[in-house]
Structures are given as C-alpha cells and as structure tokens.
Protein backbone atom coordinates (compact mmCIF):
# COMPACT_ATOMS: atom_id res chain seq x y z
CA MET A 1 0.15 0.12 0.45
CA SER A 2 1.84 3.11 -1.05
CA GLY A 3 -0.14 5.46 1.17
CA LEU A 4 -0.72 7.96 -1.91
CA PRO A 5 -3.93 9.66 -2.41
CA ASP A 6 -6.42 9.29 -5.11
CA ILE A 7 -7.82 12.28 -6.88
CA PRO A 8 -11.21 13.14 -5.52
CA THR A 9 -14.67 13.66 -6.93
CA LEU A 10 -16.86 16.32 -6.19
CA THR A 11 -20.74 15.62 -7.01
CA MET A 12 -22.63 19.04 -6.81
CA SER A 13 -25.99 19.20 -5.49
CA ARG A 14 -28.75 18.47 -8.17
CA GLN A 15 -30.82 21.93 -6.58
CA ILE A 16 -29.62 24.75 -4.90
CA ILE A 17 -32.42 27.38 -4.56
CA GLU A 18 -32.12 30.48 -2.35
CA ASN A 19 -33.04 30.37 1.30
CA GLN A 20 -33.18 27.06 1.00
CA GLY A 21 -30.74 24.15 2.50
CA THR A 22 -29.31 21.62 0.16
CA TRP A 23 -29.48 18.33 2.92
CA GLY A 24 -31.34 15.39 2.26
CA ASP A 25 -31.47 14.18 -1.30
CA ARG A 26 -29.93 17.24 -2.53
CA ALA A 27 -26.10 17.11 -0.85
CA PHE A 28 -22.59 17.96 -2.22
CA ILE A 29 -20.51 14.60 -2.14
CA CYS A 30 -16.42 14.36 -1.81
CA GLU A 31 -15.20 11.16 -2.27
CA GLY A 32 -11.81 9.74 -2.85
CA GLU A 33 -9.26 7.03 -2.11
CA ALA A 34 -6.01 7.40 -0.11
CA GLY A 35 -3.89 4.23 0.87
CA SER A 36 -3.61 5.44 4.65
CA PRO A 37 -6.43 6.74 7.12
CA LEU A 38 -4.00 9.08 8.00
CA ALA A 39 -4.46 11.13 5.10
CA ARG A 40 -7.22 13.70 5.68
CA MET A 41 -10.05 15.41 3.35
CA VAL A 42 -10.94 18.61 3.43
CA ILE A 43 -13.73 20.36 1.17
CA GLU A 44 -12.57 24.17 0.04
CA SER A 45 -14.68 27.00 -1.23
CA THR A 46 -14.17 30.73 -2.79
CA PHE A 47 -16.75 31.93 -0.59
CA GLY A 48 -13.75 34.50 0.58
CA GLY A 49 -12.56 35.21 -2.72
CA ASP A 50 -9.54 32.58 -3.02
CA PHE A 51 -10.12 29.04 -2.36
CA GLN A 52 -9.99 28.49 1.19
CA LEU A 53 -10.66 25.58 3.97
CA ILE A 54 -14.55 25.12 4.70
CA LEU A 55 -14.60 22.15 5.99
CA THR A 56 -12.95 19.01 7.48
CA LYS A 57 -13.60 16.16 9.78
CA GLU A 58 -12.68 18.11 12.75
CA THR A 59 -14.56 21.27 11.47
CA ASN A 60 -17.59 19.69 10.18
CA ASN A 61 -20.24 22.38 11.07
CA THR A 62 -19.53 26.12 10.03
CA GLU A 63 -22.07 29.22 9.84
CA ILE A 64 -22.01 28.28 5.88
CA ALA A 65 -22.09 24.21 5.64
CA TRP A 66 -21.85 21.66 7.16
CA ILE A 67 -21.04 17.39 6.83
CA ASN A 68 -23.97 15.68 7.38
CA VAL A 69 -22.83 12.45 6.53
CA ASP A 70 -19.33 10.75 7.01
CA ALA A 71 -19.33 7.30 5.13
CA SER A 72 -15.75 7.31 5.62
CA ASP A 73 -14.21 3.30 6.16
CA GLU A 74 -10.72 1.25 5.77
CA THR A 75 -10.50 -0.74 2.66
CA SER A 76 -8.71 -3.66 2.14
CA CYS A 77 -6.49 -0.95 -0.34
CA GLY A 78 -6.24 1.71 1.94
CA TYR A 79 -8.82 4.16 3.47
CA ASN A 80 -11.98 5.53 1.70
CA PHE A 81 -13.44 9.20 2.10
CA LYS A 82 -16.72 9.91 1.71
CA TYR A 83 -18.74 12.89 2.67
CA GLU A 84 -21.73 14.37 2.37
CA PHE A 85 -22.37 17.80 3.00
CA ALA A 86 -24.97 20.83 2.17
CA LEU A 87 -25.13 24.54 2.81
CA HIS A 88 -27.50 25.53 5.58
CA LYS A 89 -29.01 28.34 3.42
CA ALA A 90 -27.92 29.30 0.22
CA GLU A 91 -28.07 32.57 -0.82
CA LEU A 92 -27.58 34.34 -4.17
CA SER A 93 -24.57 35.60 -3.02
CA MET A 94 -22.75 32.31 -3.27
CA ASN A 95 -24.12 31.95 -6.97
CA LEU A 96 -21.48 31.38 -9.13
CA LYS A 97 -18.86 30.23 -5.96
CA ARG A 98 -17.10 27.33 -6.23
CA PHE A 99 -16.25 24.37 -4.10
CA ARG A 100 -13.21 21.47 -4.39
CA CYS A 101 -12.36 18.40 -2.68
CA VAL A 102 -8.50 17.90 -1.57
CA ILE A 103 -6.82 14.87 0.18
CA HIS A 104 -4.12 15.76 1.56
CA PRO A 105 -1.82 12.48 2.24
CA ALA A 106 -0.04 11.37 5.31
CA ASP A 107 2.05 13.40 6.89
CA GLY A 108 6.09 12.11 6.39
CA LEU A 109 5.09 10.41 2.79
CA LEU A 110 8.18 11.15 0.74
CA ASP A 111 7.28 12.52 -2.50
CA ALA A 112 3.37 12.68 -1.83
CA GLU A 113 1.43 15.73 -2.90
CA SER A 114 -2.36 16.48 -2.02
CA THR A 115 -4.86 15.53 -4.59
CA VAL A 116 -7.68 18.44 -6.10
CA SER A 117 -11.23 17.54 -7.58
CA GLU A 118 -12.22 19.31 -10.38
CA GLU A 119 -14.29 22.57 -9.15
CA GLY A 120 -17.76 22.55 -9.13
CA VAL A 121 -19.53 25.95 -9.73
CA ILE A 122 -22.61 26.92 -7.54
CA LYS A 123 -25.35 27.60 -9.15
CA VAL A 124 -28.68 29.16 -6.57
CA VAL A 125 -31.35 29.57 -8.37
CA PRO A 126 -34.14 32.80 -7.02
CA GLY A 127 -36.00 31.72 -4.17
CA ASN A 128 -39.17 33.04 -6.29
CA ILE A 129 -38.70 31.39 -9.47
CA HIS A 130 -40.83 28.49 -8.31
CA THR A 131 -43.63 30.99 -7.80
CA CYS A 132 -43.14 33.00 -10.84
CA LEU A 133 -43.25 29.84 -12.95
CA MET A 134 -46.75 28.77 -11.39
CA LEU A 135 -48.21 32.40 -12.05
CA ASN A 136 -47.06 31.86 -15.58
CA SER A 137 -48.31 28.46 -15.83
CA TYR A 138 -51.52 29.91 -14.68
CA LEU A 139 -52.03 32.38 -16.63
CA ASN A 140 -51.37 30.63 -19.77
CA GLN A 141 -53.95 28.05 -19.02
CA LEU A 142 -55.97 31.51 -18.38
CA ILE A 143 -55.43 32.85 -21.52
CA MET A 144 -55.16 29.98 -24.09
CA PRO A 145 -59.02 28.89 -23.74
CA LEU A 146 -59.38 33.03 -25.50
CA PHE A 147 -57.66 31.91 -28.70
C-alpha cells in the first residue's frame, strides 16, 4: 500500500434554491481513496475570494455548511473518504462560487502531494422562481382558452 491519495471526486447538489438548505437528497458529495487513514480530506470554497478551507472531519459544521454524513471507512487497499455536505441556507451571493475536494496525504510520505478534485460551480436559483413559474403556467391556462 503506497499511501498516495487518488484524485477525489465532487458531486454537486442537484438543486440549490435561494433561502433553502441542501440537505436530504440535495447534498454535495466529496469522495476519494487514500492509502492511509492518516491522510485527510477537506472541502474548500471560494466564498471568501480565493479557495479556503471550509469543512474538515474535525471542523464539520460552520456557519455556511456542514458535513451531514461521514461514510468514510477502511478498505483492503487503504482508506475511502466519503463526505456528504450541505449548505445551511443558500444565498444569491453564493452564485458562481466554487467548491473542491482535497485529499492531503499522511504526513511523512516522501514525494506525496495533495490531490484536488475538479471544481464545482454553485448555481443558486432565486427563491421566487417557483412562484413565477407557477404564476406563468396559471396565466397561460387562463389565456389559452380565449384563442
């Protein structure tokens, strides 16, 4: 077992709506393998401009987000990390900000570098869009019979 981490993957939430959380079936997921449980996976975001640490196993609940499921476990080939995390409340100011997952190898491994997932862009839908779509649908139903 080399202890070198694989490149982690990031799965973005399927729906991010203003003033709503993203827990339940709308969580984000970071996962990846490392050869050692001494490695660590963290979640970074650009909420402050440049990428900054937002969540870790130890700091798993911040004012912005939290890790609501830690399904990490040891395997025969190393250690598998899997964090499902969620926003407490999506805000329009988060639109086009980014997340990424980073696995840092265990300390002391020679020639080991951190591995980084692809970046995921947060796309926040305005909270009133559902109301607007329903209103448009209702108005179209009223107008269509007139023609």
